[in-house]
Amino acid sequence: MPSRRSGRADRDDRGQVAVEFVGMVPLILLLVAAVWECVLIGYAFSLAGNAADEAARAGAVKGEAQCRAAAKEHIGDAWNLRVECAQSGDIYRARVRLGIPVLFPGLDFGDIDGTGGAAMEKEAK
């Protein structure tokens, strides 16, 4: 005569994986969002630094108007760009400020600064 298991032993584990997966989905999504935010912040630092370098180089050769134009050329409108260009002695300095994006550019929670400098030059005629 077959013996019957009693109590909990009668139940099987069907559906357990689905329940655990549903419980882990919010944590997985939170982790993905945190990693994406880190990527966006790193990309913003890279963009700000490159734009500042390009702006300072253009400003050293052609002046403030070209400095601003060079910075805007490398940054999209969604990054909330602000540019400061000025000559400081023999160095032309550019400062680019971008908004720190929250999950996508356009929704900002602070600023990232990028600075650049280039030696003043005269354009060849």
PDB file of N, CA and C in Angstrom:
ATOM      1  N   MET A   1       0.839  -1.164   0.000  1.00  0.00           N
ATOM      2  CA  MET A   1       0.000   0.000   0.000  1.00  0.00           C
ATOM      3  C   MET A   1       0.894   1.241   0.000  1.00  0.00           C
ATOM      4  N   PRO A   2       0.645   2.144  -0.971  1.00  0.00           N
ATOM      5  CA  PRO A   2       1.478   3.345  -1.040  1.00  0.00           C
ATOM      6  C   PRO A   2       1.219   4.250   0.146  1.00  0.00           C
ATOM      7  N   SER A   3       2.296   4.811   0.643  1.00  0.00           N
ATOM      8  CA  SER A   3       2.146   5.721   1.775  1.00  0.00           C
ATOM      9  C   SER A   3       1.838   7.127   1.263  1.00  0.00           C
ATOM     10  N   ARG A   4       0.992   7.807   1.993  1.00  0.00           N
ATOM     11  CA  ARG A   4       0.617   9.182   1.623  1.00  0.00           C
ATOM     12  C   ARG A   4       1.443  10.141   2.459  1.00  0.00           C
ATOM     13  N   ARG A   5       1.953  11.130   1.772  1.00  0.00           N
ATOM     14  CA  ARG A   5       2.665  12.168   2.495  1.00  0.00           C
ATOM     15  C   ARG A   5       1.635  13.123   3.066  1.00  0.00           C
ATOM     16  N   SER A   6       1.951  13.636   4.184  1.00  0.00           N
ATOM     17  CA  SER A   6       0.974  14.522   4.806  1.00  0.00           C
ATOM     18  C   SER A   6       1.480  15.954   4.839  1.00  0.00           C
ATOM     19  N   GLY A   7       0.567  16.904   4.954  1.00  0.00           N
ATOM     20  CA  GLY A   7       0.913  18.315   5.166  1.00  0.00           C
ATOM     21  C   GLY A   7       1.569  18.951   3.961  1.00  0.00           C
ATOM     22  N   ARG A   8       2.670  19.601   4.223  1.00  0.00           N
ATOM     23  CA  ARG A   8       3.361  20.389   3.195  1.00  0.00           C
ATOM     24  C   ARG A   8       3.975  19.519   2.111  1.00  0.00           C
ATOM     25  N   ALA A   9       4.305  18.346   2.395  1.00  0.00           N
ATOM     26  CA  ALA A   9       4.958  17.492   1.417  1.00  0.00           C
ATOM     27  C   ALA A   9       4.049  17.199   0.234  1.00  0.00           C
ATOM     28  N   ASP A  10       2.733  17.299   0.398  1.00  0.00           N
ATOM     29  CA  ASP A  10       1.802  17.069  -0.706  1.00  0.00           C
ATOM     30  C   ASP A  10       1.880  18.173  -1.765  1.00  0.00           C
ATOM     31  N   ARG A  11       2.211  19.383  -1.362  1.00  0.00           N
ATOM     32  CA  ARG A  11       2.250  20.506  -2.310  1.00  0.00           C
ATOM     33  C   ARG A  11       3.525  20.450  -3.133  1.00  0.00           C
ATOM     34  N   ASP A  12       3.412  20.866  -4.407  1.00  0.00           N
ATOM     35  CA  ASP A  12       4.623  20.950  -5.227  1.00  0.00           C
ATOM     36  C   ASP A  12       5.027  22.417  -5.370  1.00  0.00           C
ATOM     37  N   ASP A  13       6.102  22.648  -6.080  1.00  0.00           N
ATOM     38  CA  ASP A  13       6.670  23.992  -6.195  1.00  0.00           C
ATOM     39  C   ASP A  13       6.315  24.663  -7.515  1.00  0.00           C
ATOM     40  N   ARG A  14       5.260  24.233  -8.161  1.00  0.00           N
ATOM     41  CA  ARG A  14       4.879  24.863  -9.425  1.00  0.00           C
ATOM     42  C   ARG A  14       4.533  26.327  -9.185  1.00  0.00           C
ATOM     43  N   GLY A  15       5.048  27.201 -10.065  1.00  0.00           N
ATOM     44  CA  GLY A  15       4.764  28.618  -9.955  1.00  0.00           C
ATOM     45  C   GLY A  15       5.736  29.381  -9.084  1.00  0.00           C
ATOM     46  N   GLN A  16       6.622  28.714  -8.412  1.00  0.00           N
ATOM     47  CA  GLN A  16       7.555  29.381  -7.510  1.00  0.00           C
ATOM     48  C   GLN A  16       8.496  30.315  -8.258  1.00  0.00           C
ATOM     49  N   VAL A  17       8.961  29.872  -9.409  1.00  0.00           N
ATOM     50  CA  VAL A  17       9.870  30.702 -10.200  1.00  0.00           C
ATOM     51  C   VAL A  17       9.171  31.976 -10.648  1.00  0.00           C
ATOM     52  N   ALA A  18       7.929  31.870 -11.048  1.00  0.00           N
ATOM     53  CA  ALA A  18       7.172  33.050 -11.489  1.00  0.00           C
ATOM     54  C   ALA A  18       6.995  34.040 -10.340  1.00  0.00           C
ATOM     55  N   VAL A  19       6.712  33.547  -9.159  1.00  0.00           N
ATOM     56  CA  VAL A  19       6.539  34.420  -8.003  1.00  0.00           C
ATOM     57  C   VAL A  19       7.858  35.115  -7.654  1.00  0.00           C
ATOM     58  N   GLU A  20       8.953  34.389  -7.678  1.00  0.00           N
ATOM     59  CA  GLU A  20      10.252  34.988  -7.387  1.00  0.00           C
ATOM     60  C   GLU A  20      10.630  36.011  -8.454  1.00  0.00           C
ATOM     61  N   PHE A  21      10.332  35.730  -9.717  1.00  0.00           N
ATOM     62  CA  PHE A  21      10.638  36.660 -10.792  1.00  0.00           C
ATOM     63  C   PHE A  21       9.853  37.959 -10.621  1.00  0.00           C
ATOM     64  N   VAL A  22       8.578  37.859 -10.322  1.00  0.00           N
ATOM     65  CA  VAL A  22       7.752  39.054 -10.117  1.00  0.00           C
ATOM     66  C   VAL A  22       8.278  39.872  -8.939  1.00  0.00           C
ATOM     67  N   GLY A  23       8.777  39.219  -7.925  1.00  0.00           N
ATOM     68  CA  GLY A  23       9.337  39.924  -6.781  1.00  0.00           C
ATOM     69  C   GLY A  23      10.654  40.620  -7.101  1.00  0.00           C
ATOM     70  N   MET A  24      11.418  40.075  -8.038  1.00  0.00           N
ATOM     71  CA  MET A  24      12.723  40.643  -8.383  1.00  0.00           C
ATOM     72  C   MET A  24      12.644  41.717  -9.464  1.00  0.00           C
ATOM     73  N   VAL A  25      11.582  41.775 -10.241  1.00  0.00           N
ATOM     74  CA  VAL A  25      11.478  42.738 -11.342  1.00  0.00           C
ATOM     75  C   VAL A  25      11.684  44.182 -10.882  1.00  0.00           C
ATOM     76  N   PRO A  26      11.055  44.649  -9.808  1.00  0.00           N
ATOM     77  CA  PRO A  26      11.309  46.043  -9.394  1.00  0.00           C
ATOM     78  C   PRO A  26      12.776  46.302  -9.045  1.00  0.00           C
ATOM     79  N   LEU A  27      13.440  45.359  -8.422  1.00  0.00           N
ATOM     80  CA  LEU A  27      14.853  45.531  -8.089  1.00  0.00           C
ATOM     81  C   LEU A  27      15.717  45.555  -9.348  1.00  0.00           C
ATOM     82  N   ILE A  28      15.394  44.716 -10.302  1.00  0.00           N
ATOM     83  CA  ILE A  28      16.140  44.698 -11.557  1.00  0.00           C
ATOM     84  C   ILE A  28      15.952  46.020 -12.297  1.00  0.00           C
ATOM     85  N   LEU A  29      14.724  46.515 -12.358  1.00  0.00           N
ATOM     86  CA  LEU A  29      14.456  47.782 -13.031  1.00  0.00           C
ATOM     87  C   LEU A  29      15.160  48.949 -12.330  1.00  0.00           C
ATOM     88  N   LEU A  30      15.185  48.939 -11.023  1.00  0.00           N
ATOM     89  CA  LEU A  30      15.890  49.976 -10.273  1.00  0.00           C
ATOM     90  C   LEU A  30      17.387  49.943 -10.565  1.00  0.00           C
ATOM     91  N   LEU A  31      17.956  48.760 -10.630  1.00  0.00           N
ATOM     92  CA  LEU A  31      19.373  48.623 -10.949  1.00  0.00           C
ATOM     93  C   LEU A  31      19.667  49.113 -12.369  1.00  0.00           C
ATOM     94  N   VAL A  32      18.828  48.768 -13.312  1.00  0.00           N
ATOM     95  CA  VAL A  32      19.011  49.229 -14.694  1.00  0.00           C
ATOM     96  C   VAL A  32      18.925  50.752 -14.760  1.00  0.00           C
ATOM     97  N   ALA A  33      17.969  51.346 -14.054  1.00  0.00           N
ATOM     98  CA  ALA A  33      17.829  52.811 -14.040  1.00  0.00           C
ATOM     99  C   ALA A  33      19.067  53.467 -13.420  1.00  0.00           C
ATOM    100  N   ALA A  34      19.611  52.885 -12.355  1.00  0.00           N
ATOM    101  CA  ALA A  34      20.806  53.447 -11.717  1.00  0.00           C
ATOM    102  C   ALA A  34      22.019  53.366 -12.644  1.00  0.00           C
ATOM    103  N   VAL A  35      22.173  52.258 -13.334  1.00  0.00           N
ATOM    104  CA  VAL A  35      23.285  52.117 -14.279  1.00  0.00           C
ATOM    105  C   VAL A  35      23.118  53.111 -15.432  1.00  0.00           C
ATOM    106  N   TRP A  36      21.903  53.248 -15.947  1.00  0.00           N
ATOM    107  CA  TRP A  36      21.646  54.194 -17.033  1.00  0.00           C
ATOM    108  C   TRP A  36      21.965  55.625 -16.589  1.00  0.00           C
ATOM    109  N   GLU A  37      21.607  55.980 -15.362  1.00  0.00           N
ATOM    110  CA  GLU A  37      21.891  57.324 -14.852  1.00  0.00           C
ATOM    111  C   GLU A  37      23.399  57.563 -14.778  1.00  0.00           C
ATOM    112  N   CYS A  38      24.144  56.569 -14.349  1.00  0.00           N
ATOM    113  CA  CYS A  38      25.603  56.694 -14.303  1.00  0.00           C
ATOM    114  C   CYS A  38      26.179  56.878 -15.702  1.00  0.00           C
ATOM    115  N   VAL A  39      25.647  56.166 -16.674  1.00  0.00           N
ATOM    116  CA  VAL A  39      26.101  56.313 -18.056  1.00  0.00           C
ATOM    117  C   VAL A  39      25.815  57.727 -18.553  1.00  0.00           C
ATOM    118  N   LEU A  40      24.620  58.246 -18.285  1.00  0.00           N
ATOM    119  CA  LEU A  40      24.275  59.600 -18.721  1.00  0.00           C
ATOM    120  C   LEU A  40      25.167  60.659 -18.078  1.00  0.00           C
ATOM    121  N   ILE A  41      25.465  60.505 -16.803  1.00  0.00           N
ATOM    122  CA  ILE A  41      26.328  61.476 -16.116  1.00  0.00           C
ATOM    123  C   ILE A  41      27.738  61.433 -16.707  1.00  0.00           C
ATOM    124  N   GLY A  42      28.262  60.247 -16.938  1.00  0.00           N
ATOM    125  CA  GLY A  42      29.580  60.128 -17.563  1.00  0.00           C
ATOM    126  C   GLY A  42      29.610  60.716 -18.959  1.00  0.00           C
ATOM    127  N   TYR A  43      28.551  60.487 -19.720  1.00  0.00           N
ATOM    128  CA  TYR A  43      28.464  61.043 -21.067  1.00  0.00           C
ATOM    129  C   TYR A  43      28.378  62.564 -21.023  1.00  0.00           C
ATOM    130  N   ALA A  44      27.659  63.095 -20.042  1.00  0.00           N
ATOM    131  CA  ALA A  44      27.547  64.553 -19.897  1.00  0.00           C
ATOM    132  C   ALA A  44      28.912  65.166 -19.576  1.00  0.00           C
ATOM    133  N   PHE A  45      29.696  64.532 -18.716  1.00  0.00           N
ATOM    134  CA  PHE A  45      31.045  65.017 -18.427  1.00  0.00           C
ATOM    135  C   PHE A  45      31.900  65.023 -19.688  1.00  0.00           C
ATOM    136  N   SER A  46      31.804  63.973 -20.469  1.00  0.00           N
ATOM    137  CA  SER A  46      32.560  63.880 -21.703  1.00  0.00           C
ATOM    138  C   SER A  46      32.142  64.967 -22.697  1.00  0.00           C
ATOM    139  N   LEU A  47      30.836  65.156 -22.857  1.00  0.00           N
ATOM    140  CA  LEU A  47      30.338  66.194 -23.757  1.00  0.00           C
ATOM    141  C   LEU A  47      30.775  67.587 -23.316  1.00  0.00           C
ATOM    142  N   ALA A  48      30.664  67.879 -22.028  1.00  0.00           N
ATOM    143  CA  ALA A  48      31.020  69.205 -21.523  1.00  0.00           C
ATOM    144  C   ALA A  48      32.503  69.485 -21.719  1.00  0.00           C
ATOM    145  N   GLY A  49      33.347  68.536 -21.429  1.00  0.00           N
ATOM    146  CA  GLY A  49      34.781  68.728 -21.596  1.00  0.00           C
ATOM    147  C   GLY A  49      35.173  68.929 -23.052  1.00  0.00           C
ATOM    148  N   ASN A  50      34.612  68.102 -23.932  1.00  0.00           N
ATOM    149  CA  ASN A  50      34.925  68.232 -25.352  1.00  0.00           C
ATOM    150  C   ASN A  50      34.416  69.562 -25.906  1.00  0.00           C
ATOM    151  N   ALA A  51      33.208  69.946 -25.550  1.00  0.00           N
ATOM    152  CA  ALA A  51      32.650  71.211 -26.040  1.00  0.00           C
ATOM    153  C   ALA A  51      33.467  72.397 -25.536  1.00  0.00           C
ATOM    154  N   ALA A  52      33.933  72.348 -24.296  1.00  0.00           N
ATOM    155  CA  ALA A  52      34.749  73.434 -23.751  1.00  0.00           C
ATOM    156  C   ALA A  52      36.091  73.528 -24.481  1.00  0.00           C
ATOM    157  N   ASP A  53      36.702  72.396 -24.767  1.00  0.00           N
ATOM    158  CA  ASP A  53      37.965  72.397 -25.506  1.00  0.00           C
ATOM    159  C   ASP A  53      37.789  72.972 -26.910  1.00  0.00           C
ATOM    160  N   GLU A  54      36.743  72.529 -27.594  1.00  0.00           N
ATOM    161  CA  GLU A  54      36.477  73.031 -28.944  1.00  0.00           C
ATOM    162  C   GLU A  54      36.154  74.523 -28.917  1.00  0.00           C
ATOM    163  N   ALA A  55      35.387  74.950 -27.934  1.00  0.00           N
ATOM    164  CA  ALA A  55      35.013  76.361 -27.823  1.00  0.00           C
ATOM    165  C   ALA A  55      36.236  77.231 -27.540  1.00  0.00           C
ATOM    166  N   ALA A  56      37.112  76.792 -26.635  1.00  0.00           N
ATOM    167  CA  ALA A  56      38.312  77.565 -26.314  1.00  0.00           C
ATOM    168  C   ALA A  56      39.226  77.672 -27.532  1.00  0.00           C
ATOM    169  N   ARG A  57      39.354  76.604 -28.265  1.00  0.00           N
ATOM    170  CA  ARG A  57      40.197  76.630 -29.468  1.00  0.00           C
ATOM    171  C   ARG A  57      39.629  77.606 -30.489  1.00  0.00           C
ATOM    172  N   ALA A  58      38.333  77.553 -30.733  1.00  0.00           N
ATOM    173  CA  ALA A  58      37.704  78.471 -31.693  1.00  0.00           C
ATOM    174  C   ALA A  58      37.785  79.910 -31.203  1.00  0.00           C
ATOM    175  N   GLY A  59      37.608  80.124 -29.915  1.00  0.00           N
ATOM    176  CA  GLY A  59      37.691  81.466 -29.357  1.00  0.00           C
ATOM    177  C   GLY A  59      39.081  82.048 -29.433  1.00  0.00           C
ATOM    178  N   ALA A  60      40.101  81.211 -29.249  1.00  0.00           N
ATOM    179  CA  ALA A  60      41.484  81.683 -29.309  1.00  0.00           C
ATOM    180  C   ALA A  60      41.840  82.164 -30.706  1.00  0.00           C
ATOM    181  N   VAL A  61      41.220  81.588 -31.720  1.00  0.00           N
ATOM    182  CA  VAL A  61      41.531  81.957 -33.096  1.00  0.00           C
ATOM    183  C   VAL A  61      40.610  83.057 -33.609  1.00  0.00           C
ATOM    184  N   LYS A  62      39.293  82.952 -33.327  1.00  0.00           N
ATOM    185  CA  LYS A  62      38.322  83.825 -33.979  1.00  0.00           C
ATOM    186  C   LYS A  62      37.465  84.678 -33.052  1.00  0.00           C
ATOM    187  N   GLY A  63      37.562  84.523 -31.748  1.00  0.00           N
ATOM    188  CA  GLY A  63      36.822  85.389 -30.844  1.00  0.00           C
ATOM    189  C   GLY A  63      35.615  84.742 -30.189  1.00  0.00           C
ATOM    190  N   GLU A  64      34.900  85.567 -29.413  1.00  0.00           N
ATOM    191  CA  GLU A  64      33.824  85.057 -28.555  1.00  0.00           C
ATOM    192  C   GLU A  64      32.647  84.463 -29.320  1.00  0.00           C
ATOM    193  N   ALA A  65      32.256  85.083 -30.403  1.00  0.00           N
ATOM    194  CA  ALA A  65      31.104  84.568 -31.158  1.00  0.00           C
ATOM    195  C   ALA A  65      31.372  83.158 -31.664  1.00  0.00           C
ATOM    196  N   GLN A  66      32.582  82.927 -32.162  1.00  0.00           N
ATOM    197  CA  GLN A  66      32.929  81.591 -32.641  1.00  0.00           C
ATOM    198  C   GLN A  66      33.096  80.613 -31.482  1.00  0.00           C
ATOM    199  N   CYS A  67      33.493  81.117 -30.332  1.00  0.00           N
ATOM    200  CA  CYS A  67      33.605  80.276 -29.139  1.00  0.00           C
ATOM    201  C   CYS A  67      32.246  79.681 -28.786  1.00  0.00           C
ATOM    202  N   ARG A  68      31.252  80.530 -28.715  1.00  0.00           N
ATOM    203  CA  ARG A  68      29.898  80.068 -28.390  1.00  0.00           C
ATOM    204  C   ARG A  68      29.341  79.138 -29.464  1.00  0.00           C
ATOM    205  N   ALA A  69      29.584  79.494 -30.705  1.00  0.00           N
ATOM    206  CA  ALA A  69      29.090  78.666 -31.810  1.00  0.00           C
ATOM    207  C   ALA A  69      29.728  77.278 -31.794  1.00  0.00           C
ATOM    208  N   ALA A  70      31.028  77.218 -31.495  1.00  0.00           N
ATOM    209  CA  ALA A  70      31.715  75.925 -31.464  1.00  0.00           C
ATOM    210  C   ALA A  70      31.179  75.038 -30.345  1.00  0.00           C
ATOM    211  N   ALA A  71      30.871  75.634 -29.200  1.00  0.00           N
ATOM    212  CA  ALA A  71      30.317  74.845 -28.094  1.00  0.00           C
ATOM    213  C   ALA A  71      28.938  74.308 -28.453  1.00  0.00           C
ATOM    214  N   LYS A  72      28.116  75.138 -29.064  1.00  0.00           N
ATOM    215  CA  LYS A  72      26.752  74.718 -29.421  1.00  0.00           C
ATOM    216  C   LYS A  72      26.740  73.693 -30.532  1.00  0.00           C
ATOM    217  N   GLU A  73      27.777  73.697 -31.352  1.00  0.00           N
ATOM    218  CA  GLU A  73      27.862  72.746 -32.457  1.00  0.00           C
ATOM    219  C   GLU A  73      27.943  71.301 -31.952  1.00  0.00           C
ATOM    220  N   HIS A  74      28.551  71.098 -30.798  1.00  0.00           N
ATOM    221  CA  HIS A  74      28.800  69.754 -30.285  1.00  0.00           C
ATOM    222  C   HIS A  74      27.783  69.284 -29.253  1.00  0.00           C
ATOM    223  N   ILE A  75      26.841  70.122 -28.866  1.00  0.00           N
ATOM    224  CA  ILE A  75      25.880  69.777 -27.817  1.00  0.00           C
ATOM    225  C   ILE A  75      24.462  69.958 -28.356  1.00  0.00           C
ATOM    226  N   GLY A  76      23.607  68.987 -28.095  1.00  0.00           N
ATOM    227  CA  GLY A  76      22.208  69.092 -28.497  1.00  0.00           C
ATOM    228  C   GLY A  76      21.431  70.044 -27.597  1.00  0.00           C
ATOM    229  N   ASP A  77      20.267  70.460 -28.057  1.00  0.00           N
ATOM    230  CA  ASP A  77      19.444  71.413 -27.314  1.00  0.00           C
ATOM    231  C   ASP A  77      18.914  70.861 -25.989  1.00  0.00           C
ATOM    232  N   ALA A  78      18.777  69.563 -25.871  1.00  0.00           N
ATOM    233  CA  ALA A  78      18.181  68.969 -24.674  1.00  0.00           C
ATOM    234  C   ALA A  78      19.092  69.031 -23.449  1.00  0.00           C
ATOM    235  N   TRP A  79      20.369  69.378 -23.630  1.00  0.00           N
ATOM    236  CA  TRP A  79      21.317  69.341 -22.525  1.00  0.00           C
ATOM    237  C   TRP A  79      21.359  70.623 -21.726  1.00  0.00           C
ATOM    238  N   ASN A  80      20.533  71.614 -22.020  1.00  0.00           N
ATOM    239  CA  ASN A  80      20.473  72.866 -21.257  1.00  0.00           C
ATOM    240  C   ASN A  80      21.857  73.524 -21.171  1.00  0.00           C
ATOM    241  N   LEU A  81      22.429  73.806 -22.328  1.00  0.00           N
ATOM    242  CA  LEU A  81      23.795  74.318 -22.463  1.00  0.00           C
ATOM    243  C   LEU A  81      23.908  75.786 -22.067  1.00  0.00           C
ATOM    244  N   ARG A  82      24.970  76.098 -21.309  1.00  0.00           N
ATOM    245  CA  ARG A  82      25.345  77.477 -21.003  1.00  0.00           C
ATOM    246  C   ARG A  82      26.852  77.601 -21.225  1.00  0.00           C
ATOM    247  N   VAL A  83      27.254  78.648 -21.950  1.00  0.00           N
ATOM    248  CA  VAL A  83      28.661  78.812 -22.329  1.00  0.00           C
ATOM    249  C   VAL A  83      29.168  80.160 -21.835  1.00  0.00           C
ATOM    250  N   GLU A  84      30.363  80.168 -21.267  1.00  0.00           N
ATOM    251  CA  GLU A  84      31.057  81.400 -20.887  1.00  0.00           C
ATOM    252  C   GLU A  84      32.412  81.392 -21.590  1.00  0.00           C
ATOM    253  N   CYS A  85      32.693  82.455 -22.335  1.00  0.00           N
ATOM    254  CA  CYS A  85      33.957  82.580 -23.056  1.00  0.00           C
ATOM    255  C   CYS A  85      34.638  83.875 -22.646  1.00  0.00           C
ATOM    256  N   ALA A  86      35.939  83.823 -22.370  1.00  0.00           N
ATOM    257  CA  ALA A  86      36.668  85.037 -21.984  1.00  0.00           C
ATOM    258  C   ALA A  86      38.165  84.826 -22.164  1.00  0.00           C
ATOM    259  N   GLN A  87      38.839  85.917 -22.458  1.00  0.00           N
ATOM    260  CA  GLN A  87      40.292  85.891 -22.561  1.00  0.00           C
ATOM    261  C   GLN A  87      40.874  86.189 -21.186  1.00  0.00           C
ATOM    262  N   SER A  88      41.892  85.434 -20.826  1.00  0.00           N
ATOM    263  CA  SER A  88      42.569  85.632 -19.550  1.00  0.00           C
ATOM    264  C   SER A  88      44.068  85.666 -19.826  1.00  0.00           C
ATOM    265  N   GLY A  89      44.600  86.881 -20.071  1.00  0.00           N
ATOM    266  CA  GLY A  89      46.013  86.996 -20.433  1.00  0.00           C
ATOM    267  C   GLY A  89      46.240  86.442 -21.827  1.00  0.00           C
ATOM    268  N   ASP A  90      47.164  85.508 -21.950  1.00  0.00           N
ATOM    269  CA  ASP A  90      47.455  84.883 -23.241  1.00  0.00           C
ATOM    270  C   ASP A  90      46.659  83.598 -23.455  1.00  0.00           C
ATOM    271  N   ILE A  91      45.740  83.313 -22.557  1.00  0.00           N
ATOM    272  CA  ILE A  91      44.927  82.094 -22.637  1.00  0.00           C
ATOM    273  C   ILE A  91      43.477  82.479 -22.888  1.00  0.00           C
ATOM    274  N   TYR A  92      42.839  81.768 -23.799  1.00  0.00           N
ATOM    275  CA  TYR A  92      41.401  81.959 -24.014  1.00  0.00           C
ATOM    276  C   TYR A  92      40.700  80.811 -23.311  1.00  0.00           C
ATOM    277  N   ARG A  93      39.809  81.135 -22.400  1.00  0.00           N
ATOM    278  CA  ARG A  93      39.143  80.118 -21.579  1.00  0.00           C
ATOM    279  C   ARG A  93      37.672  80.008 -21.950  1.00  0.00           C
ATOM    280  N   ALA A  94      37.188  78.777 -21.904  1.00  0.00           N
ATOM    281  CA  ALA A  94      35.765  78.521 -22.144  1.00  0.00           C
ATOM    282  C   ALA A  94      35.253  77.628 -21.022  1.00  0.00           C
ATOM    283  N   ARG A  95      34.075  77.934 -20.560  1.00  0.00           N
ATOM    284  CA  ARG A  95      33.420  77.118 -19.529  1.00  0.00           C
ATOM    285  C   ARG A  95      32.046  76.719 -20.060  1.00  0.00           C
ATOM    286  N   VAL A  96      31.797  75.449 -20.083  1.00  0.00           N
ATOM    287  CA  VAL A  96      30.532  74.906 -20.577  1.00  0.00           C
ATOM    288  C   VAL A  96      29.822  74.250 -19.411  1.00  0.00           C
ATOM    289  N   ARG A  97      28.565  74.614 -19.209  1.00  0.00           N
ATOM    290  CA  ARG A  97      27.754  73.994 -18.152  1.00  0.00           C
ATOM    291  C   ARG A  97      26.598  73.255 -18.806  1.00  0.00           C
ATOM    292  N   LEU A  98      26.425  72.017 -18.393  1.00  0.00           N
ATOM    293  CA  LEU A  98      25.319  71.192 -18.872  1.00  0.00           C
ATOM    294  C   LEU A  98      24.486  70.755 -17.681  1.00  0.00           C
ATOM    295  N   GLY A  99      23.193  70.579 -17.907  1.00  0.00           N
ATOM    296  CA  GLY A  99      22.341  70.032 -16.863  1.00  0.00           C
ATOM    297  C   GLY A  99      22.616  68.545 -16.680  1.00  0.00           C
ATOM    298  N   ILE A 100      22.661  68.092 -15.434  1.00  0.00           N
ATOM    299  CA  ILE A 100      22.822  66.657 -15.160  1.00  0.00           C
ATOM    300  C   ILE A 100      21.471  65.992 -15.428  1.00  0.00           C
ATOM    301  N   PRO A 101      21.405  65.103 -16.387  1.00  0.00           N
ATOM    302  CA  PRO A 101      20.118  64.511 -16.753  1.00  0.00           C
ATOM    303  C   PRO A 101      19.634  63.472 -15.740  1.00  0.00           C
ATOM    304  N   VAL A 102      18.316  63.413 -15.601  1.00  0.00           N
ATOM    305  CA  VAL A 102      17.679  62.371 -14.795  1.00  0.00           C
ATOM    306  C   VAL A 102      16.961  61.443 -15.759  1.00  0.00           C
ATOM    307  N   LEU A 103      17.557  60.314 -16.030  1.00  0.00           N
ATOM    308  CA  LEU A 103      17.067  59.267 -16.922  1.00  0.00           C
ATOM    309  C   LEU A 103      17.054  59.647 -18.402  1.00  0.00           C
ATOM    310  N   PHE A 104      16.946  60.910 -18.754  1.00  0.00           N
ATOM    311  CA  PHE A 104      17.079  61.333 -20.150  1.00  0.00           C
ATOM    312  C   PHE A 104      17.409  62.821 -20.168  1.00  0.00           C
ATOM    313  N   PRO A 105      18.117  63.282 -21.197  1.00  0.00           N
ATOM    314  CA  PRO A 105      18.461  64.708 -21.271  1.00  0.00           C
ATOM    315  C   PRO A 105      17.206  65.566 -21.352  1.00  0.00           C
ATOM    316  N   GLY A 106      17.212  66.672 -20.659  1.00  0.00           N
ATOM    317  CA  GLY A 106      16.071  67.578 -20.635  1.00  0.00           C
ATOM    318  C   GLY A 106      15.446  67.670 -19.254  1.00  0.00           C
ATOM    319  N   LEU A 107      15.531  66.622 -18.472  1.00  0.00           N
ATOM    320  CA  LEU A 107      15.048  66.612 -17.100  1.00  0.00           C
ATOM    321  C   LEU A 107      16.292  66.653 -16.209  1.00  0.00           C
ATOM    322  N   ASP A 108      16.620  67.839 -15.680  1.00  0.00           N
ATOM    323  CA  ASP A 108      17.903  68.056 -15.014  1.00  0.00           C
ATOM    324  C   ASP A 108      17.760  68.186 -13.501  1.00  0.00           C
ATOM    325  N   PHE A 109      18.844  67.856 -12.779  1.00  0.00           N
ATOM    326  CA  PHE A 109      18.868  68.073 -11.336  1.00  0.00           C
ATOM    327  C   PHE A 109      20.180  68.670 -10.848  1.00  0.00           C
ATOM    328  N   GLY A 110      20.837  69.433 -11.670  1.00  0.00           N
ATOM    329  CA  GLY A 110      22.088  70.066 -11.279  1.00  0.00           C
ATOM    330  C   GLY A 110      22.897  70.388 -12.517  1.00  0.00           C
ATOM    331  N   ASP A 111      24.145  70.755 -12.325  1.00  0.00           N
ATOM    332  CA  ASP A 111      24.996  71.146 -13.440  1.00  0.00           C
ATOM    333  C   ASP A 111      26.311  70.382 -13.430  1.00  0.00           C
ATOM    334  N   ILE A 112      26.844  70.198 -14.628  1.00  0.00           N
ATOM    335  CA  ILE A 112      28.175  69.644 -14.839  1.00  0.00           C
ATOM    336  C   ILE A 112      28.976  70.712 -15.556  1.00  0.00           C
ATOM    337  N   ASP A 113      30.181  70.979 -15.085  1.00  0.00           N
ATOM    338  CA  ASP A 113      31.037  71.983 -15.706  1.00  0.00           C
ATOM    339  C   ASP A 113      32.135  71.311 -16.506  1.00  0.00           C
ATOM    340  N   GLY A 114      32.395  71.877 -17.655  1.00  0.00           N
ATOM    341  CA  GLY A 114      33.546  71.495 -18.453  1.00  0.00           C
ATOM    342  C   GLY A 114      34.332  72.755 -18.750  1.00  0.00           C
ATOM    343  N   THR A 115      35.633  72.722 -18.559  1.00  0.00           N
ATOM    344  CA  THR A 115      36.451  73.902 -18.821  1.00  0.00           C
ATOM    345  C   THR A 115      37.536  73.556 -19.827  1.00  0.00           C
ATOM    346  N   GLY A 116      37.889  74.560 -20.599  1.00  0.00           N
ATOM    347  CA  GLY A 116      38.942  74.374 -21.585  1.00  0.00           C
ATOM    348  C   GLY A 116      39.705  75.665 -21.758  1.00  0.00           C
ATOM    349  N   GLY A 117      40.925  75.555 -22.221  1.00  0.00           N
ATOM    350  CA  GLY A 117      41.748  76.729 -22.463  1.00  0.00           C
ATOM    351  C   GLY A 117      42.648  76.486 -23.661  1.00  0.00           C
ATOM    352  N   ALA A 118      42.936  77.568 -24.364  1.00  0.00           N
ATOM    353  CA  ALA A 118      43.822  77.491 -25.517  1.00  0.00           C
ATOM    354  C   ALA A 118      44.647  78.776 -25.586  1.00  0.00           C
ATOM    355  N   ALA A 119      45.856  78.646 -26.072  1.00  0.00           N
ATOM    356  CA  ALA A 119      46.735  79.818 -26.243  1.00  0.00           C
ATOM    357  C   ALA A 119      46.163  80.708 -27.338  1.00  0.00           C
ATOM    358  N   MET A 120      46.235  82.016 -27.113  1.00  0.00           N
ATOM    359  CA  MET A 120      45.727  82.969 -28.091  1.00  0.00           C
ATOM    360  C   MET A 120      46.553  82.867 -29.380  1.00  0.00           C
ATOM    361  N   GLU A 121      45.861  82.930 -30.498  1.00  0.00           N
ATOM    362  CA  GLU A 121      46.509  82.843 -31.799  1.00  0.00           C
ATOM    363  C   GLU A 121      45.969  83.922 -32.704  1.00  0.00           C
ATOM    364  N   LYS A 122      46.736  84.254 -33.689  1.00  0.00           N
ATOM    365  CA  LYS A 122      46.271  85.166 -34.723  1.00  0.00           C
ATOM    366  C   LYS A 122      46.064  84.366 -35.986  1.00  0.00           C
ATOM    367  N   GLU A 123      44.963  84.649 -36.645  1.00  0.00           N
ATOM    368  CA  GLU A 123      44.637  83.928 -37.864  1.00  0.00           C
ATOM    369  C   GLU A 123      45.576  84.389 -38.987  1.00  0.00           C
ATOM    370  N   ALA A 124      46.093  83.423 -39.740  1.00  0.00           N
ATOM    371  CA  ALA A 124      46.978  83.749 -40.874  1.00  0.00           C
ATOM    372  C   ALA A 124      46.171  84.399 -41.981  1.00  0.00           C
ATOM    373  N   LYS A 125      46.773  85.386 -42.626  1.00  0.00           N
ATOM    374  CA  LYS A 125      46.053  86.102 -43.693  1.00  0.00           C
ATOM    375  C   LYS A 125      46.576  85.733 -45.038  1.00  0.00           C
TER     376      LYS A 125
END
